[in-house]
Amino acid sequence: MKKGYSTMTGFTPDAPVLHEIKNHSEALAQAEAGVAAMAAERNNRWYPKFHIASNGGWINDPNGLCFYKGRWHVFYQLHPYGTQWGPMHWGHVSSTDMLNWKREPIMFAPTLEEEKDGVFSGSAVIGDDGELKFYYTGHRWANGQDNTGGDWQVGGHARIRAGGDWQVQMLAEPDNDELTSATKRGMIIDCPTDKVDHHYRDPKVWKTGDTWYMTFGVSSADKRGQMWLFSSKDMVRWEYERVLFQHPDPDVFMLECPDFFPIKDKDGNEKWVIGFSAMGSKPSGFMNRNVNNAGYMIGTWEPGGEFKPETEFRLWDCGHNYYAPQSFNVDGRQIVYGWMSPFVQPIPMEDDGWCGQLTLPREITLGDDGDVVTAPVAEMEGLREDTLDHGSITLDMDGEQVIADDAKAVEIEMTIDLAASTAERAGLKIHATEDGAYTYVAYDDQIGRVVVDRQAMANGDRGYRAAPLTDTELASGKLDLRVFVDRGSVEVYVNGGHQVLSSYSYASEGPRAIKLVAEFGNLKVESLKLHHMKSIGLE
């Protein structure tokens, strides 16, 4: 596969290809008006107090995450004209401290031929000159309207393809240090349509040695989920290297939102973590219960080579609603945001003028057992407004104790003494309302897992999810839970982030109590603290 511009046999033009079909300033102004119209009518019953969400409209994947010139920047996929998925734009918020955020102008709207149906996901990276570049996927429908079968118009000839996505990789550069606007440079990697089954997106860029690398997700011509590797010396002209990784499961046809980064284990050895959202994986026991499932493998990689996994595929997050995570490195900290994805109908938020939020930022490390740990970044402690220390609590058989009468935005730190508890299930009923609805965050002794159970909820989809505990964790006799409850969601960090569960929780009307409960046995809680959380300023 030679370098040079040839849609069918090659990959990269000698210079970015730019075909503007709309005025970007006008398209951005229209998008801002669309978001503002929905924000004016927004229902805040589940709108987050301390998670990032759009003022109005649908959002999905976090994009362009970076720390640049003294500010944290989070971009995200945005549909500014409705609360369901639609033509993608990039929304934007920024902060100096990851605690107090402000809304920034929408960064990208679809205005080029190569992205006329969506400015899809991508990343940001700071070059050797200290300047930032955005890499993203330009999306269009091959048949001009949807993802059903259509003609690829290539070089004056039409090729019939099984699907309608036509995707290429794009470059843009910011106009100012505040990243409030950017100039699109155009297409830098074209799609070889004879080698791709229409999925070809979500670039991640990094530097190793003196070479820049890019990987993104691909569905190969035989519908295998792959990540391809490109390299560059100047960050503009890119050359195909190889398939970086192919998922071993033939049911997985696409690896969305790929991530790839080095990390050190406890002995100082460098490992590489490969992350992706596997499309097509089938449910198996407790694994892969969501529509699509975001996970990772740990292994090794040498520049120019293929990734060699040393672990099986593991979930980043065991909750109902976690997808498309993106990480970035700042001063040695690998920080990740995920999208809390409302994949399954009904989605009650859609009626409220907004839909979708991001998780809290988490720092990725390797634990002593060599597995990934994702704990909230230390800055999150700064959101605590006050603290109620409940001390130690003991519940007798089927006991119950109200921890808070009405808690819309709190963090709970709790240590359960498993050795002194006999309950089959025990934990917290959050968003407990007078109609009997609640979401249950509990330790289930029969399966040795922490569960988020929504069977009692009156709104939205239900079901439960379960995060495993290792034999070492169970043998310790202790269980640490850190539970973040926002107006419409819950994030549960198990034993410092060895496992996490993120789920929406659409509370019913009225006061939202939190209750500590024990089922069929007693519960011994060594300590329990409740922190009321401040707003991050986006309400």
Foldseek 3Di string as FASTA:
>chain_A
DDFDDAQAPYWFHPFFDFAFADDWVVQLVVLVVLLVVLLVQFDVLQPWQFFDFGSFFEWFAWAAFDQFPQKTKIWTWGDSNANDDFATWIWIWMGNQLQAIDGARTEGHQGTPQQNGHFAHEYKDQDPVRFIKTKWKRWAFCQGPAFQWDWRCGPNDTDTARTTIFIFMWMWGAPDRVSRYIGTRHGGTGHNVQFFRRDWTYWDWDDDDQKIKIWFWTQTPLQWIWIWIWIDNPVRHIHGQGTQDTDPDRQFRMWHQWDKDWAAAPVRDIKMKIKTWTARDDDDVQPPPENIFIWIFIAHDDPSHHTDGPDDTDGLAFAHFWDNKDWDDDPRWTKIKTKRHQPDPPQVSSVRRTYTTIDAIWTWHADNVRDIFTFHPPSQVVQFPDKDWPAKDKAFAFGKDWPFFFAAWKKKKWKWQQVPWDFQKWDKFWLQDPVRFTWGFIQGNVQQWTKTFRPRAPDTDTGMHTDHDDPVRVVVRMKIWMWTHHSFWIWIAIPRGPHIYIHTGHHDDDGIIMMTTGHRIMIIIRIMMMTGGGGSHPD
